[in-house]
């Protein structure tokens, strides 16, 4: 499945999950899940922006760095807010993927964004589990 289609499917799945969560759980649990899923959607969007930036011939290192900084900040913010072991594992994978992308860009190599996008998609899944 193409990356842009996979991102669209992930976003749709997260939106559907967000609509159901308040009906199925208590207010605090629902708020945590919604916050987690919202950050997952933001991270997915930022990963998509990063893909366009590194694919664009005019894309600058500064633009990619800004997106990576945003992704890193969002990941750390969510990690501070959660005590869910599965979410923390996914965030660890996401942070490793960010490090790998930074290293590739620093070494003037084309980064593999697949692990980053996979981790963002997995975040949406673990945020909405019981």
N, C-alpha and C. Protein backbone atom coordinates (compact mmCIF):
# COMPACT_ATOMS: atom_id res chain seq x y z
N UNK A 1 0.84 -1.16 0.00
CA UNK A 1 0.00 0.00 0.00
C UNK A 1 0.90 1.23 0.00
N UNK A 2 0.64 2.22 -0.87
CA UNK A 2 1.46 3.43 -0.91
C UNK A 2 1.42 4.16 0.44
N UNK A 3 2.50 4.87 0.74
CA UNK A 3 2.62 5.54 2.03
C UNK A 3 1.49 6.53 2.26
N UNK A 4 1.12 7.33 1.23
CA UNK A 4 0.07 8.33 1.44
C UNK A 4 -1.27 7.66 1.70
N UNK A 5 -1.51 6.52 1.11
CA UNK A 5 -2.76 5.79 1.36
C UNK A 5 -2.76 5.20 2.76
N UNK A 6 -1.60 4.67 3.18
CA UNK A 6 -1.48 4.11 4.53
C UNK A 6 -1.73 5.20 5.57
N UNK A 7 -1.20 6.40 5.34
CA UNK A 7 -1.43 7.51 6.26
C UNK A 7 -2.89 7.90 6.31
N UNK A 8 -3.56 7.90 5.16
CA UNK A 8 -4.98 8.23 5.12
C UNK A 8 -5.80 7.20 5.89
N UNK A 9 -5.46 5.93 5.72
CA UNK A 9 -6.16 4.87 6.44
C UNK A 9 -5.93 5.01 7.94
N UNK A 10 -4.70 5.30 8.34
CA UNK A 10 -4.39 5.48 9.75
C UNK A 10 -5.18 6.64 10.33
N UNK A 11 -5.21 7.76 9.62
CA UNK A 11 -5.97 8.93 10.08
C UNK A 11 -7.45 8.63 10.21
N UNK A 12 -8.01 7.91 9.26
CA UNK A 12 -9.43 7.55 9.30
C UNK A 12 -9.70 6.62 10.47
N UNK A 13 -8.83 5.65 10.68
CA UNK A 13 -9.01 4.73 11.80
C UNK A 13 -8.94 5.47 13.14
N UNK A 14 -8.02 6.41 13.26
CA UNK A 14 -7.92 7.18 14.50
C UNK A 14 -9.16 8.03 14.71
N UNK A 15 -9.68 8.64 13.66
CA UNK A 15 -10.87 9.46 13.78
C UNK A 15 -12.06 8.61 14.23
N UNK A 16 -12.20 7.43 13.67
CA UNK A 16 -13.29 6.53 14.06
C UNK A 16 -13.15 6.11 15.53
N UNK A 17 -11.93 5.80 15.92
CA UNK A 17 -11.69 5.39 17.31
C UNK A 17 -12.00 6.54 18.27
N UNK A 18 -11.64 7.75 17.88
CA UNK A 18 -11.90 8.90 18.73
C UNK A 18 -13.39 9.13 18.94
N UNK A 19 -14.19 8.82 17.93
CA UNK A 19 -15.63 9.00 18.04
C UNK A 19 -16.25 8.00 19.01
N UNK A 20 -15.69 6.81 19.12
CA UNK A 20 -16.26 5.75 19.94
C UNK A 20 -15.76 5.78 21.38
N UNK A 21 -14.57 6.24 21.61
CA UNK A 21 -13.93 6.15 22.92
C UNK A 21 -14.79 6.74 24.04
N UNK A 22 -15.36 7.94 23.91
CA UNK A 22 -16.13 8.50 25.02
C UNK A 22 -17.33 7.63 25.40
N UNK A 23 -17.87 6.88 24.48
CA UNK A 23 -19.01 6.02 24.78
C UNK A 23 -18.60 4.77 25.52
N UNK A 24 -17.38 4.34 25.33
CA UNK A 24 -16.95 3.05 25.84
C UNK A 24 -16.16 3.13 27.14
N UNK A 25 -15.72 4.31 27.55
CA UNK A 25 -14.85 4.41 28.72
C UNK A 25 -15.26 5.58 29.59
N UNK A 26 -14.65 5.66 30.77
CA UNK A 26 -14.89 6.79 31.65
C UNK A 26 -14.23 8.04 31.11
N UNK A 27 -14.60 9.18 31.69
CA UNK A 27 -14.12 10.47 31.18
C UNK A 27 -12.60 10.60 31.19
N UNK A 28 -11.96 10.24 32.31
CA UNK A 28 -10.50 10.37 32.38
C UNK A 28 -9.80 9.47 31.38
N UNK A 29 -10.23 8.22 31.29
CA UNK A 29 -9.63 7.29 30.34
C UNK A 29 -9.87 7.76 28.91
N UNK A 30 -11.06 8.27 28.65
CA UNK A 30 -11.38 8.76 27.31
C UNK A 30 -10.50 9.96 26.96
N UNK A 31 -10.33 10.87 27.91
CA UNK A 31 -9.50 12.05 27.65
C UNK A 31 -8.06 11.65 27.36
N UNK A 32 -7.52 10.71 28.14
CA UNK A 32 -6.15 10.25 27.90
C UNK A 32 -6.03 9.62 26.51
N UNK A 33 -6.99 8.77 26.15
CA UNK A 33 -6.94 8.11 24.85
C UNK A 33 -7.06 9.12 23.72
N UNK A 34 -7.93 10.10 23.88
CA UNK A 34 -8.11 11.12 22.85
C UNK A 34 -6.83 11.95 22.72
N UNK A 35 -6.25 12.35 23.85
CA UNK A 35 -5.00 13.12 23.80
C UNK A 35 -3.90 12.31 23.13
N UNK A 36 -3.78 11.05 23.48
CA UNK A 36 -2.77 10.17 22.90
C UNK A 36 -2.99 10.03 21.40
N UNK A 37 -4.22 9.74 21.01
CA UNK A 37 -4.53 9.56 19.59
C UNK A 37 -4.33 10.86 18.82
N UNK A 38 -4.66 11.99 19.42
CA UNK A 38 -4.47 13.28 18.76
C UNK A 38 -2.99 13.52 18.47
N UNK A 39 -2.14 13.22 19.44
CA UNK A 39 -0.70 13.36 19.21
C UNK A 39 -0.25 12.38 18.13
N UNK A 40 -0.82 11.18 18.13
CA UNK A 40 -0.51 10.21 17.07
C UNK A 40 -0.84 10.74 15.69
N UNK A 41 -1.99 11.41 15.58
CA UNK A 41 -2.39 12.00 14.30
C UNK A 41 -1.43 13.13 13.92
N UNK A 42 -1.06 13.97 14.90
CA UNK A 42 -0.10 15.05 14.63
C UNK A 42 1.23 14.49 14.17
N UNK A 43 1.68 13.44 14.82
CA UNK A 43 2.96 12.83 14.45
C UNK A 43 2.88 12.26 13.05
N UNK A 44 1.76 11.63 12.72
CA UNK A 44 1.57 11.09 11.36
C UNK A 44 1.62 12.22 10.34
N UNK A 45 0.95 13.32 10.63
CA UNK A 45 0.98 14.49 9.73
C UNK A 45 2.37 15.06 9.59
N UNK A 46 3.09 15.14 10.70
CA UNK A 46 4.47 15.65 10.64
C UNK A 46 5.37 14.71 9.85
N UNK A 47 5.15 13.41 9.98
CA UNK A 47 5.94 12.44 9.21
C UNK A 47 5.66 12.61 7.72
N UNK A 48 4.41 12.88 7.38
CA UNK A 48 4.05 13.12 5.98
C UNK A 48 4.73 14.40 5.47
N UNK A 49 4.73 15.45 6.30
CA UNK A 49 5.43 16.70 5.93
C UNK A 49 6.91 16.44 5.73
N UNK A 50 7.49 15.63 6.60
CA UNK A 50 8.91 15.31 6.49
C UNK A 50 9.19 14.57 5.18
N UNK A 51 8.30 13.64 4.82
CA UNK A 51 8.45 12.91 3.56
C UNK A 51 8.49 13.87 2.38
N UNK A 52 7.57 14.83 2.38
CA UNK A 52 7.55 15.82 1.28
C UNK A 52 8.81 16.67 1.29
N UNK A 53 9.27 17.04 2.47
CA UNK A 53 10.45 17.90 2.58
C UNK A 53 11.70 17.20 2.07
N UNK A 54 11.91 15.95 2.48
CA UNK A 54 13.12 15.26 2.05
C UNK A 54 13.03 14.81 0.60
N UNK A 55 11.81 14.69 0.06
CA UNK A 55 11.64 14.31 -1.34
C UNK A 55 11.76 15.50 -2.27
N UNK A 56 11.50 16.69 -1.75
CA UNK A 56 11.52 17.91 -2.54
C UNK A 56 12.96 18.31 -2.82
N UNK A 57 13.25 18.53 -4.08
CA UNK A 57 14.61 18.94 -4.47
C UNK A 57 15.00 20.24 -3.81
N UNK A 58 14.00 21.09 -3.50
CA UNK A 58 14.28 22.37 -2.86
C UNK A 58 14.21 22.28 -1.34
N UNK A 59 13.89 21.10 -0.83
CA UNK A 59 13.79 20.93 0.62
C UNK A 59 15.12 21.23 1.28
N UNK A 60 15.06 21.99 2.35
CA UNK A 60 16.29 22.38 3.03
C UNK A 60 16.46 21.57 4.29
N UNK A 61 17.67 21.51 4.72
CA UNK A 61 17.98 20.84 5.97
C UNK A 61 17.26 21.53 7.13
N UNK A 62 17.15 22.85 7.05
CA UNK A 62 16.47 23.60 8.11
C UNK A 62 15.00 23.20 8.22
N UNK A 63 14.33 23.02 7.08
CA UNK A 63 12.92 22.62 7.10
C UNK A 63 12.77 21.23 7.72
N UNK A 64 13.63 20.31 7.33
CA UNK A 64 13.57 18.96 7.89
C UNK A 64 13.88 19.00 9.39
N UNK A 65 14.85 19.80 9.79
CA UNK A 65 15.20 19.91 11.20
C UNK A 65 14.03 20.43 12.03
N UNK A 66 13.30 21.41 11.49
CA UNK A 66 12.15 21.95 12.21
C UNK A 66 11.07 20.88 12.40
N UNK A 67 10.83 20.10 11.36
CA UNK A 67 9.83 19.04 11.46
C UNK A 67 10.29 17.98 12.46
N UNK A 68 11.56 17.61 12.39
CA UNK A 68 12.10 16.62 13.33
C UNK A 68 12.02 17.14 14.76
N UNK A 69 12.30 18.43 14.95
CA UNK A 69 12.19 19.02 16.29
C UNK A 69 10.76 18.94 16.80
N UNK A 70 9.80 19.22 15.93
CA UNK A 70 8.38 19.14 16.31
C UNK A 70 8.01 17.71 16.67
N UNK A 71 8.43 16.76 15.84
CA UNK A 71 8.16 15.36 16.13
C UNK A 71 8.78 14.94 17.47
N UNK A 72 9.99 15.35 17.70
CA UNK A 72 10.68 15.02 18.94
C UNK A 72 9.95 15.63 20.14
N UNK A 73 9.55 16.88 20.02
CA UNK A 73 8.83 17.56 21.10
C UNK A 73 7.50 16.87 21.38
N UNK A 74 6.74 16.54 20.33
CA UNK A 74 5.45 15.87 20.51
C UNK A 74 5.62 14.50 21.16
N UNK A 75 6.66 13.79 20.75
CA UNK A 75 6.93 12.46 21.31
C UNK A 75 7.27 12.57 22.79
N UNK A 76 8.13 13.50 23.14
CA UNK A 76 8.51 13.68 24.54
C UNK A 76 7.33 14.14 25.39
N UNK A 77 6.49 15.03 24.83
CA UNK A 77 5.33 15.53 25.54
C UNK A 77 4.39 14.37 25.89
N UNK A 78 4.14 13.51 24.94
CA UNK A 78 3.25 12.38 25.18
C UNK A 78 3.88 11.39 26.15
N UNK A 79 5.17 11.19 26.03
CA UNK A 79 5.86 10.24 26.91
C UNK A 79 5.78 10.71 28.37
N UNK A 80 5.83 12.02 28.58
CA UNK A 80 5.71 12.56 29.94
C UNK A 80 4.31 12.37 30.51
N UNK A 81 3.30 12.35 29.64
CA UNK A 81 1.92 12.28 30.08
C UNK A 81 1.40 10.86 30.28
N UNK A 82 2.07 9.87 29.74
CA UNK A 82 1.51 8.52 29.77
C UNK A 82 2.24 7.62 30.74
N UNK A 83 1.47 6.69 31.29
CA UNK A 83 2.07 5.64 32.10
C UNK A 83 1.80 4.28 31.47
N UNK A 84 1.26 4.29 30.25
CA UNK A 84 0.95 3.06 29.52
C UNK A 84 2.24 2.48 28.93
N UNK A 85 2.53 1.24 29.30
CA UNK A 85 3.77 0.58 28.87
C UNK A 85 3.84 0.45 27.35
N UNK A 86 2.72 0.07 26.72
CA UNK A 86 2.71 -0.10 25.26
C UNK A 86 2.95 1.22 24.55
N UNK A 87 2.33 2.28 25.04
CA UNK A 87 2.53 3.61 24.43
C UNK A 87 3.98 4.02 24.58
N UNK A 88 4.56 3.79 25.75
CA UNK A 88 5.96 4.17 25.97
C UNK A 88 6.90 3.40 25.04
N UNK A 89 6.61 2.10 24.80
CA UNK A 89 7.43 1.31 23.88
C UNK A 89 7.37 1.89 22.47
N UNK A 90 6.17 2.22 22.03
CA UNK A 90 6.02 2.80 20.69
C UNK A 90 6.75 4.14 20.62
N UNK A 91 6.65 4.94 21.66
CA UNK A 91 7.35 6.23 21.67
C UNK A 91 8.86 6.04 21.65
N UNK A 92 9.35 5.00 22.31
CA UNK A 92 10.79 4.69 22.24
C UNK A 92 11.18 4.35 20.80
N UNK A 93 10.35 3.55 20.12
CA UNK A 93 10.63 3.20 18.72
C UNK A 93 10.57 4.45 17.84
N UNK A 94 9.62 5.31 18.14
CA UNK A 94 9.50 6.56 17.38
C UNK A 94 10.73 7.43 17.57
N UNK A 95 11.21 7.54 18.80
CA UNK A 95 12.41 8.35 19.04
C UNK A 95 13.63 7.76 18.35
N UNK A 96 13.74 6.43 18.31
CA UNK A 96 14.85 5.80 17.59
C UNK A 96 14.75 6.08 16.10
N UNK A 97 13.53 6.02 15.56
CA UNK A 97 13.33 6.32 14.14
C UNK A 97 13.72 7.76 13.84
N UNK A 98 13.38 8.69 14.73
CA UNK A 98 13.76 10.09 14.55
C UNK A 98 15.28 10.25 14.54
N UNK A 99 15.94 9.55 15.45
CA UNK A 99 17.41 9.59 15.50
C UNK A 99 18.00 9.08 14.19
N UNK A 100 17.44 7.99 13.67
CA UNK A 100 17.94 7.42 12.42
C UNK A 100 17.74 8.39 11.25
N UNK A 101 16.61 9.07 11.22
CA UNK A 101 16.36 10.05 10.15
C UNK A 101 17.34 11.20 10.27
N UNK A 102 17.54 11.71 11.47
CA UNK A 102 18.50 12.81 11.68
C UNK A 102 19.91 12.40 11.22
N UNK A 103 20.30 11.19 11.61
CA UNK A 103 21.63 10.70 11.24
C UNK A 103 21.77 10.61 9.72
N UNK A 104 20.76 10.10 9.06
CA UNK A 104 20.82 9.98 7.59
C UNK A 104 20.92 11.35 6.95
N UNK A 105 20.11 12.29 7.40
CA UNK A 105 20.15 13.64 6.81
C UNK A 105 21.50 14.31 7.07
N UNK A 106 22.03 14.11 8.27
CA UNK A 106 23.33 14.70 8.60
C UNK A 106 24.44 14.14 7.71
N UNK A 107 24.29 12.85 7.33
CA UNK A 107 25.29 12.18 6.49
C UNK A 107 24.95 12.31 5.00
N UNK A 108 24.01 13.19 4.67
CA UNK A 108 23.59 13.42 3.27
C UNK A 108 23.09 12.15 2.59
N UNK A 109 22.41 11.29 3.37
CA UNK A 109 21.78 10.10 2.82
C UNK A 109 20.27 10.30 2.82
N UNK A 110 19.59 9.61 1.93
CA UNK A 110 18.13 9.66 1.93
C UNK A 110 17.64 8.82 3.10
N UNK A 111 16.85 9.43 4.01
CA UNK A 111 16.41 8.67 5.18
C UNK A 111 15.28 7.69 4.84
N UNK A 112 15.25 6.58 5.55
CA UNK A 112 14.16 5.62 5.44
C UNK A 112 13.10 6.06 6.45
N UNK A 113 11.97 6.56 5.95
CA UNK A 113 10.91 7.06 6.82
C UNK A 113 9.89 5.99 7.20
N UNK A 114 10.06 4.80 6.67
CA UNK A 114 9.11 3.72 6.95
C UNK A 114 8.99 3.44 8.45
N UNK A 115 10.10 3.28 9.20
CA UNK A 115 9.96 3.02 10.64
C UNK A 115 9.26 4.16 11.38
N UNK A 116 9.47 5.38 10.94
CA UNK A 116 8.82 6.53 11.56
C UNK A 116 7.31 6.47 11.33
N UNK A 117 6.91 6.22 10.10
CA UNK A 117 5.49 6.14 9.79
C UNK A 117 4.85 4.93 10.45
N UNK A 118 5.55 3.81 10.49
CA UNK A 118 5.02 2.62 11.15
C UNK A 118 4.80 2.88 12.64
N UNK A 119 5.74 3.54 13.28
CA UNK A 119 5.61 3.84 14.71
C UNK A 119 4.45 4.79 14.96
N UNK A 120 4.26 5.78 14.08
CA UNK A 120 3.13 6.71 14.22
C UNK A 120 1.81 5.96 14.09
N UNK A 121 1.73 5.04 13.13
CA UNK A 121 0.52 4.24 12.97
C UNK A 121 0.27 3.33 14.16
N UNK A 122 1.33 2.73 14.68
CA UNK A 122 1.21 1.87 15.86
C UNK A 122 0.76 2.67 17.07
N UNK A 123 1.20 3.91 17.18
CA UNK A 123 0.81 4.76 18.29
C UNK A 123 -0.72 4.93 18.30
N UNK A 124 -1.29 5.15 17.14
CA UNK A 124 -2.74 5.27 17.05
C UNK A 124 -3.45 4.02 17.54
N UNK A 125 -2.87 2.87 17.23
CA UNK A 125 -3.48 1.61 17.66
C UNK A 125 -3.40 1.43 19.17
N UNK A 126 -2.22 1.65 19.76
CA UNK A 126 -2.08 1.41 21.19
C UNK A 126 -2.82 2.47 22.02
N UNK A 127 -3.01 3.65 21.48
CA UNK A 127 -3.74 4.69 22.20
C UNK A 127 -5.21 4.33 22.37
N UNK A 128 -5.74 3.55 21.45
CA UNK A 128 -7.17 3.27 21.47
C UNK A 128 -7.51 1.88 21.99
N UNK A 129 -6.50 1.14 22.44
CA UNK A 129 -6.76 -0.19 23.03
C UNK A 129 -7.33 -0.03 24.41
N UNK A 130 -8.06 -1.05 24.83
CA UNK A 130 -8.60 -1.06 26.21
C UNK A 130 -7.49 -1.18 27.20
